[in-house]
Amino acid sequence: MLNLLFYNHLYNWYESNHRVLPWRETEDGYAIWLSEIILQQTRVAQGLDYYMRFIHRWPTVEALAAADESEVLREWQGLGYYSRARNLHKAAKLIVESREARAESREAIFPRTFEEIRALPGVGDYTAGAIASFAYNLPYPAMDGNVYRVIARLLDIDEAFDTSAGKKLFHRKIEELLDRENPRLFNSAIMEFGALYCTPVLGDNCTSCPLQEFCLGYAHHTAELLPARKPRPKVRDRWFTYHIYLCGDQTLIQRREAKDIWYHLYEFPCTETEGLKDERMKGERGIELTHVLSHQKIHARFIVRKVQKMPELPGTICIRWEELNDYALSRLTLRALDTIPHKA
């Protein structure tokens, strides 16, 4: 166990160096939950604008629950990992329905226990712990990639943190370190320390680190090697051809319905091929883009087709070009719109 001096050093560093962020200025469970969902797989610099737009448009969980899924996906557009947005909306509806059924007051609308928060769609142990501690100062650890890195270096743990055994080990260690009298402060401080100081590339930070005397990774010269990860899965290559039909000021789009990437988002009519073997595409020129996801690499070709009459393609809808902004589009489609020549 670390002594009181460790916590004093950590909290003093946090007091002098932490970023001022809107979700740190509130104890509203809804606002904190919203920030935590947005910040999953997303850097603060990118997530901040999305948070501000969401909280302005839907300031309460009731307002979010009353929105259409398409509106939520449209506001989420460009942030990626769209299952987060769908789960966010689903959870908001469940929260409101549950409280209405129990006839509870509006003040008690957002869940206030770890178990209730953990039961929400899209919320795991880390997110539930973060919300419970930041909103209600409950003694639960908040584990994100920054915390895994700090703990691995601090305790010189070479177990891969992204395996089942590793997660159990790290969770046990952070439970032991958790300041149960000040869980909100502890979680905020250690997460911020990993985000701003104990970063993946340390540089000269180790030599002047305020926690140096407590760090086994520094003492054993292993800090730069930690945390350990399991081998990365092989990336799958996929080839998409998009057909951009233009008839006057109109075009065709379709919504992805298969439980696949970009579920329920809109894009231009698309065909997927095995590699570049589609004979029908020979001789046709188009804009080519590569789009890398966590486990997939999309090789996309966008072909503009000016037609006198729109083809009747199953699952497509015909809209005016200017109406594209009214639909939740995949990030790849947004990139293409920045690249392809505008409509005729």
Protein backbone atom coordinates (compact mmCIF):
# COMPACT_ATOMS: atom_id res chain seq x y z
CA MET A 1 0.00 0.00 0.00
CA LEU A 2 1.17 3.52 -0.75
CA ASN A 3 1.44 6.02 2.06
CA LEU A 4 -0.25 9.36 2.62
CA LEU A 5 2.61 11.20 0.94
CA PHE A 6 1.74 9.55 -2.39
CA TYR A 7 -1.81 10.87 -2.29
CA ASN A 8 -0.61 14.34 -1.27
CA HIS A 9 1.79 14.47 -4.21
CA LEU A 10 -0.88 13.24 -6.64
CA TYR A 11 -3.52 15.68 -5.41
CA ASN A 12 -1.11 18.63 -5.39
CA TRP A 13 -0.14 17.86 -8.98
CA TYR A 14 -3.82 17.63 -9.96
CA GLU A 15 -4.70 20.90 -8.26
CA SER A 16 -2.00 22.74 -10.21
CA ASN A 17 -2.31 21.02 -13.59
CA HIS A 18 -5.81 19.70 -14.26
CA ARG A 19 -7.87 20.88 -17.20
CA VAL A 20 -11.07 22.81 -16.53
CA LEU A 21 -13.80 20.73 -18.20
CA PRO A 22 -17.57 21.24 -17.96
CA TRP A 23 -18.34 17.74 -16.66
CA ARG A 24 -15.94 18.37 -13.77
CA GLU A 25 -17.94 21.42 -12.74
CA THR A 26 -21.13 19.46 -12.04
CA GLU A 27 -22.41 16.59 -9.93
CA ASP A 28 -25.35 15.94 -12.26
CA GLY A 29 -25.37 12.21 -12.98
CA TYR A 30 -26.90 12.70 -16.42
CA ALA A 31 -24.26 15.20 -17.56
CA ILE A 32 -21.43 13.03 -16.21
CA TRP A 33 -22.88 9.88 -17.83
CA LEU A 34 -23.15 11.74 -21.14
CA SER A 35 -19.50 12.82 -20.93
CA GLU A 36 -18.29 9.33 -20.06
CA ILE A 37 -20.10 7.74 -23.01
CA ILE A 38 -18.77 10.36 -25.42
CA LEU A 39 -15.21 9.98 -24.10
CA GLN A 40 -15.15 6.20 -24.60
CA GLN A 41 -12.64 5.67 -27.45
CA THR A 42 -12.48 9.45 -27.93
CA ARG A 43 -9.93 12.11 -26.98
CA VAL A 44 -11.12 14.98 -24.78
CA ALA A 45 -10.19 17.55 -27.44
CA GLN A 46 -12.56 15.89 -29.90
CA GLY A 47 -15.29 14.90 -27.43
CA LEU A 48 -15.69 18.33 -25.83
CA ASP A 49 -17.54 19.87 -28.80
CA TYR A 50 -19.87 16.88 -29.03
CA TYR A 51 -20.59 17.06 -25.31
CA MET A 52 -21.45 20.76 -25.50
CA ARG A 53 -23.80 20.19 -28.46
CA PHE A 54 -25.54 17.24 -26.77
CA ILE A 55 -25.98 18.96 -23.41
CA HIS A 56 -27.29 22.10 -25.12
CA ARG A 57 -29.76 20.23 -27.32
CA TRP A 58 -30.81 17.64 -24.71
CA PRO A 59 -30.09 19.14 -21.25
CA THR A 60 -31.94 16.37 -19.37
CA VAL A 61 -32.31 12.64 -19.70
CA GLU A 62 -36.02 13.16 -20.42
CA ALA A 63 -35.17 15.39 -23.38
CA LEU A 64 -32.74 12.82 -24.77
CA ALA A 65 -35.27 10.02 -24.31
CA ALA A 66 -37.87 12.01 -26.29
CA ALA A 67 -35.54 12.42 -29.29
CA ASP A 68 -35.63 10.17 -32.35
CA GLU A 69 -32.71 7.78 -32.77
CA SER A 70 -31.99 9.39 -36.14
CA GLU A 71 -31.53 12.78 -34.43
CA VAL A 72 -29.08 11.30 -31.92
CA LEU A 73 -27.09 9.55 -34.65
CA ARG A 74 -27.02 12.76 -36.68
CA GLU A 75 -25.59 14.69 -33.71
CA TRP A 76 -23.07 11.89 -33.12
CA GLN A 77 -21.97 11.96 -36.76
CA GLY A 78 -18.18 11.82 -37.18
CA LEU A 79 -17.48 10.56 -33.65
CA GLY A 80 -17.40 6.88 -34.62
CA TYR A 81 -18.34 3.74 -32.66
CA TYR A 82 -22.03 4.50 -33.28
CA SER A 83 -23.22 1.73 -30.98
CA ARG A 84 -22.41 4.21 -28.19
CA ALA A 85 -25.01 6.64 -29.53
CA ARG A 86 -27.64 3.92 -29.95
CA ASN A 87 -27.02 2.63 -26.42
CA LEU A 88 -27.07 6.19 -25.07
CA HIS A 89 -30.51 6.79 -26.53
CA LYS A 90 -31.79 3.37 -25.48
CA ALA A 91 -30.56 3.90 -21.92
CA ALA A 92 -32.22 7.33 -21.69
CA LYS A 93 -35.56 5.82 -22.71
CA LEU A 94 -35.16 2.99 -20.18
CA ILE A 95 -34.32 5.43 -17.38
CA VAL A 96 -37.40 7.55 -18.05
CA GLU A 97 -39.70 4.55 -18.47
CA SER A 98 -38.40 3.00 -15.23
CA ARG A 99 -38.87 6.15 -13.19
CA GLU A 100 -42.32 6.81 -14.64
CA ALA A 101 -43.38 3.27 -13.74
CA ARG A 102 -42.16 3.80 -10.18
CA ALA A 103 -43.69 7.30 -10.00
CA GLU A 104 -40.47 8.78 -8.67
CA SER A 105 -39.75 12.49 -8.54
CA ARG A 106 -37.89 14.28 -11.32
CA GLU A 107 -34.99 14.92 -8.93
CA ALA A 108 -34.38 11.18 -8.69
CA ILE A 109 -34.59 10.58 -12.44
CA PHE A 110 -30.98 9.46 -13.04
CA PRO A 111 -29.79 6.25 -11.30
CA ARG A 112 -27.87 6.87 -8.09
CA THR A 113 -26.36 3.48 -7.29
CA PHE A 114 -23.51 1.61 -8.97
CA GLU A 115 -25.76 -1.37 -9.69
CA GLU A 116 -28.42 0.75 -11.42
CA ILE A 117 -25.83 2.62 -13.46
CA ARG A 118 -24.03 -0.60 -14.41
CA ALA A 119 -27.32 -2.05 -15.70
CA LEU A 120 -27.67 0.66 -18.36
CA PRO A 121 -26.97 -0.34 -22.00
CA GLY A 122 -23.43 0.53 -23.02
CA VAL A 123 -22.17 0.89 -19.45
CA GLY A 124 -19.43 -1.42 -18.16
CA ASP A 125 -17.68 -1.59 -14.82
CA TYR A 126 -15.29 1.27 -15.60
CA THR A 127 -17.98 3.65 -16.84
CA ALA A 128 -20.28 2.80 -13.93
CA GLY A 129 -17.45 3.36 -11.44
CA ALA A 130 -16.54 6.67 -13.05
CA ILE A 131 -20.13 7.95 -12.98
CA ALA A 132 -20.76 6.72 -9.43
CA SER A 133 -17.61 8.37 -8.10
CA PHE A 134 -17.74 11.63 -10.09
CA ALA A 135 -21.47 12.25 -9.57
CA TYR A 136 -22.05 10.83 -6.10
CA ASN A 137 -18.53 10.39 -4.62
CA LEU A 138 -19.17 6.67 -4.18
CA PRO A 139 -16.06 4.49 -3.53
CA TYR A 140 -15.65 2.83 -6.90
CA PRO A 141 -12.55 2.94 -9.11
CA ALA A 142 -12.62 4.45 -12.60
CA MET A 143 -10.40 2.52 -15.00
CA ASP A 144 -9.54 3.87 -18.43
CA GLY A 145 -6.42 3.45 -20.59
CA ASN A 146 -4.66 6.27 -18.76
CA VAL A 147 -5.23 4.63 -15.38
CA TYR A 148 -4.08 1.22 -16.62
CA ARG A 149 -0.86 2.85 -17.79
CA VAL A 150 -0.20 4.67 -14.50
CA ILE A 151 -0.91 1.59 -12.38
CA ALA A 152 1.22 -0.68 -14.61
CA ARG A 153 4.19 1.65 -14.25
CA LEU A 154 3.63 2.53 -10.62
CA LEU A 155 3.50 -1.14 -9.55
CA ASP A 156 5.68 -2.52 -12.40
CA ILE A 157 2.98 -4.91 -13.65
CA ASP A 158 3.90 -6.71 -16.85
CA GLU A 159 0.58 -8.56 -17.18
CA ALA A 160 -1.33 -7.48 -20.32
CA PHE A 161 -4.12 -5.20 -19.09
CA ASP A 162 -6.45 -6.04 -21.99
CA THR A 163 -6.89 -9.74 -21.11
CA SER A 164 -9.44 -11.18 -18.69
CA ALA A 165 -6.75 -12.09 -16.18
CA GLY A 166 -5.07 -8.70 -16.60
CA LYS A 167 -8.28 -6.77 -16.05
CA LYS A 168 -8.97 -8.69 -12.84
CA LEU A 169 -5.44 -8.04 -11.59
CA PHE A 170 -5.54 -4.32 -12.37
CA HIS A 171 -8.99 -3.93 -10.88
CA ARG A 172 -7.80 -5.56 -7.66
CA LYS A 173 -4.78 -3.24 -7.52
CA ILE A 174 -6.79 -0.07 -8.13
CA GLU A 175 -9.29 -1.18 -5.48
CA GLU A 176 -6.36 -1.38 -3.04
CA LEU A 177 -5.11 2.08 -4.04
CA LEU A 178 -8.51 3.81 -4.11
CA ASP A 179 -8.85 6.67 -1.64
CA ARG A 180 -12.22 5.69 -0.21
CA GLU A 181 -12.64 8.98 1.61
CA ASN A 182 -12.10 10.97 -1.60
CA PRO A 183 -12.93 8.67 -4.54
CA ARG A 184 -14.03 11.55 -6.78
CA LEU A 185 -10.74 13.39 -6.28
CA PHE A 186 -8.61 10.24 -6.53
CA ASN A 187 -10.20 9.03 -9.78
CA SER A 188 -10.04 12.48 -11.34
CA ALA A 189 -6.41 12.95 -10.34
CA ILE A 190 -5.04 9.60 -11.46
CA MET A 191 -6.90 9.74 -14.79
CA GLU A 192 -5.62 13.25 -15.45
CA PHE A 193 -2.10 12.30 -14.44
CA GLY A 194 -2.12 9.53 -17.05
CA ALA A 195 -3.65 11.78 -19.69
CA LEU A 196 -1.26 14.72 -19.26
CA TYR A 197 1.93 13.48 -17.59
CA CYS A 198 2.40 9.69 -17.50
CA THR A 199 1.74 9.49 -21.23
CA PRO A 200 2.51 6.62 -23.65
CA VAL A 201 5.77 8.32 -24.70
CA LEU A 202 7.40 9.53 -21.49
CA GLY A 203 10.38 11.48 -22.79
CA ASP A 204 12.04 13.24 -19.85
CA ASN A 205 8.94 13.12 -17.63
CA CYS A 206 10.27 10.27 -15.48
CA THR A 207 13.24 12.27 -14.23
CA SER A 208 11.04 15.02 -12.78
CA CYS A 209 7.92 13.00 -11.97
CA PRO A 210 6.20 14.04 -8.71
CA LEU A 211 5.44 10.35 -8.04
CA GLN A 212 8.94 9.11 -8.88
CA GLU A 213 9.82 7.92 -5.38
CA PHE A 214 6.77 5.62 -5.36
CA CYS A 215 7.15 4.25 -8.90
CA LEU A 216 8.55 0.73 -9.27
CA GLY A 217 8.63 1.12 -13.05
CA TYR A 218 11.05 4.03 -12.65
CA ALA A 219 13.15 2.13 -10.09
CA HIS A 220 13.35 -0.96 -12.32
CA HIS A 221 13.79 0.99 -15.60
CA THR A 222 10.69 -0.63 -17.10
CA ALA A 223 8.28 2.34 -17.23
CA GLU A 224 8.76 2.97 -20.95
CA LEU A 225 7.84 -0.67 -21.70
CA LEU A 226 4.54 -0.59 -19.82
CA PRO A 227 1.66 -1.27 -19.96
CA ALA A 228 1.82 -4.62 -21.74
CA ARG A 229 -0.84 -5.51 -24.31
CA LYS A 230 -2.05 -8.74 -25.86
CA PRO A 231 -1.20 -9.21 -29.57
CA ARG A 232 -3.34 -7.11 -31.88
CA PRO A 233 -5.95 -8.98 -33.97
CA LYS A 234 -5.43 -9.15 -37.72
CA VAL A 235 -7.08 -6.32 -39.63
CA ARG A 236 -9.69 -7.44 -42.18
CA ASP A 237 -9.65 -5.78 -45.63
CA ARG A 238 -12.97 -4.95 -47.33
CA TRP A 239 -13.69 -3.35 -50.72
CA PHE A 240 -16.72 -1.08 -51.21
CA THR A 241 -17.88 0.65 -54.38
CA TYR A 242 -20.27 3.58 -53.89
CA HIS A 243 -22.50 4.83 -56.72
CA ILE A 244 -23.40 8.51 -56.51
CA TYR A 245 -26.37 8.99 -58.80
CA LEU A 246 -27.10 12.59 -59.79
CA CYS A 247 -30.29 13.63 -61.53
CA GLY A 248 -30.59 17.40 -61.49
CA ASP A 249 -30.41 18.38 -57.81
CA GLN A 250 -31.36 14.90 -56.59
CA THR A 251 -29.37 11.88 -55.43
CA LEU A 252 -29.97 8.43 -53.90
CA ILE A 253 -29.00 7.27 -50.40
CA GLN A 254 -29.69 4.16 -48.37
CA ARG A 255 -29.62 3.23 -44.69
CA ARG A 256 -27.40 0.36 -43.54
CA GLU A 257 -29.68 -2.21 -41.93
CA ALA A 258 -27.37 -5.21 -41.50
CA LYS A 259 -25.78 -5.58 -38.04
CA ASP A 260 -22.44 -4.43 -39.35
CA ILE A 261 -20.35 -1.29 -39.27
CA TRP A 262 -22.32 2.00 -39.48
CA TYR A 263 -25.60 0.31 -38.53
CA HIS A 264 -28.57 2.66 -39.17
CA LEU A 265 -26.36 5.31 -40.81
CA TYR A 266 -26.91 6.58 -44.33
CA GLU A 267 -24.60 6.34 -47.34
CA PHE A 268 -24.74 6.25 -51.14
CA PRO A 269 -25.80 2.93 -52.76
CA CYS A 270 -22.96 0.50 -52.16
CA THR A 271 -21.74 -2.85 -53.44
CA GLU A 272 -19.11 -4.91 -51.64
CA THR A 273 -16.70 -7.07 -53.63
CA GLU A 274 -13.95 -9.55 -52.89
CA GLY A 275 -10.87 -7.50 -53.55
CA LEU A 276 -10.84 -5.63 -56.86
CA LYS A 277 -12.35 -8.47 -58.92
CA ASP A 278 -15.60 -6.80 -59.92
CA GLU A 279 -15.45 -6.82 -63.74
CA ARG A 280 -18.23 -4.26 -64.00
CA MET A 281 -15.94 -1.62 -62.51
CA LYS A 282 -13.28 -1.98 -65.21
CA GLY A 283 -12.55 1.29 -66.96
CA GLU A 284 -14.66 3.35 -64.55
CA ARG A 285 -12.83 6.10 -62.77
CA GLY A 286 -13.66 7.26 -59.30
CA ILE A 287 -12.39 8.77 -56.10
CA GLU A 288 -10.60 6.18 -53.97
CA LEU A 289 -10.35 6.45 -50.19
CA THR A 290 -8.96 4.17 -47.49
CA HIS A 291 -10.76 4.21 -44.15
CA VAL A 292 -9.25 2.39 -41.17
CA LEU A 293 -11.45 1.12 -38.32
CA SER A 294 -10.34 -0.80 -35.24
CA HIS A 295 -10.37 -4.22 -36.93
CA GLN A 296 -11.19 -3.39 -40.53
CA LYS A 297 -9.59 -1.52 -43.39
CA ILE A 298 -12.10 -0.23 -45.92
CA HIS A 299 -10.93 0.32 -49.51
CA ALA A 300 -13.62 2.53 -51.03
CA ARG A 301 -14.26 3.81 -54.53
CA PHE A 302 -16.86 6.55 -55.16
CA ILE A 303 -18.18 6.78 -58.72
CA VAL A 304 -20.33 9.74 -59.78
CA ARG A 305 -23.06 8.85 -62.29
CA LYS A 306 -25.10 11.59 -63.96
CA VAL A 307 -28.40 10.12 -65.12
CA GLN A 308 -31.54 11.33 -66.86
CA LYS A 309 -33.72 9.17 -64.62
CA MET A 310 -33.01 7.73 -61.19
CA PRO A 311 -32.68 3.92 -61.14
CA GLU A 312 -35.08 2.01 -58.91
CA LEU A 313 -32.78 0.39 -56.37
CA PRO A 314 -34.23 -1.54 -53.41
CA GLY A 315 -33.76 0.17 -50.06
CA THR A 316 -32.82 3.57 -51.49
CA ILE A 317 -34.55 6.91 -51.09
CA CYS A 318 -34.33 9.89 -53.42
CA ILE A 319 -33.49 13.23 -51.79
CA ARG A 320 -32.25 16.65 -52.83
CA TRP A 321 -28.47 17.02 -52.58
CA GLU A 322 -28.85 19.85 -50.06
CA GLU A 323 -30.80 17.50 -47.78
CA LEU A 324 -27.76 15.25 -47.19
CA ASN A 325 -26.97 17.30 -44.08
CA ASP A 326 -30.30 16.21 -42.57
CA TYR A 327 -29.20 12.57 -42.40
CA ALA A 328 -26.74 10.77 -40.14
CA LEU A 329 -23.94 9.82 -42.54
CA SER A 330 -21.03 7.47 -42.03
CA ARG A 331 -17.64 9.06 -41.48
CA LEU A 332 -16.40 7.59 -44.76
CA THR A 333 -19.30 9.23 -46.61
CA LEU A 334 -18.49 12.56 -44.98
CA ARG A 335 -14.88 12.23 -46.12
CA ALA A 336 -16.04 11.49 -49.63
CA LEU A 337 -18.28 14.56 -49.70
CA ASP A 338 -15.21 16.67 -48.93
CA THR A 339 -13.38 15.09 -51.86
CA ILE A 340 -15.76 14.40 -54.72
CA PRO A 341 -16.67 17.12 -57.20
CA HIS A 342 -19.98 18.71 -56.26
CA LYS A 343 -23.21 17.84 -57.98
CA ALA A 344 -23.69 19.06 -61.54
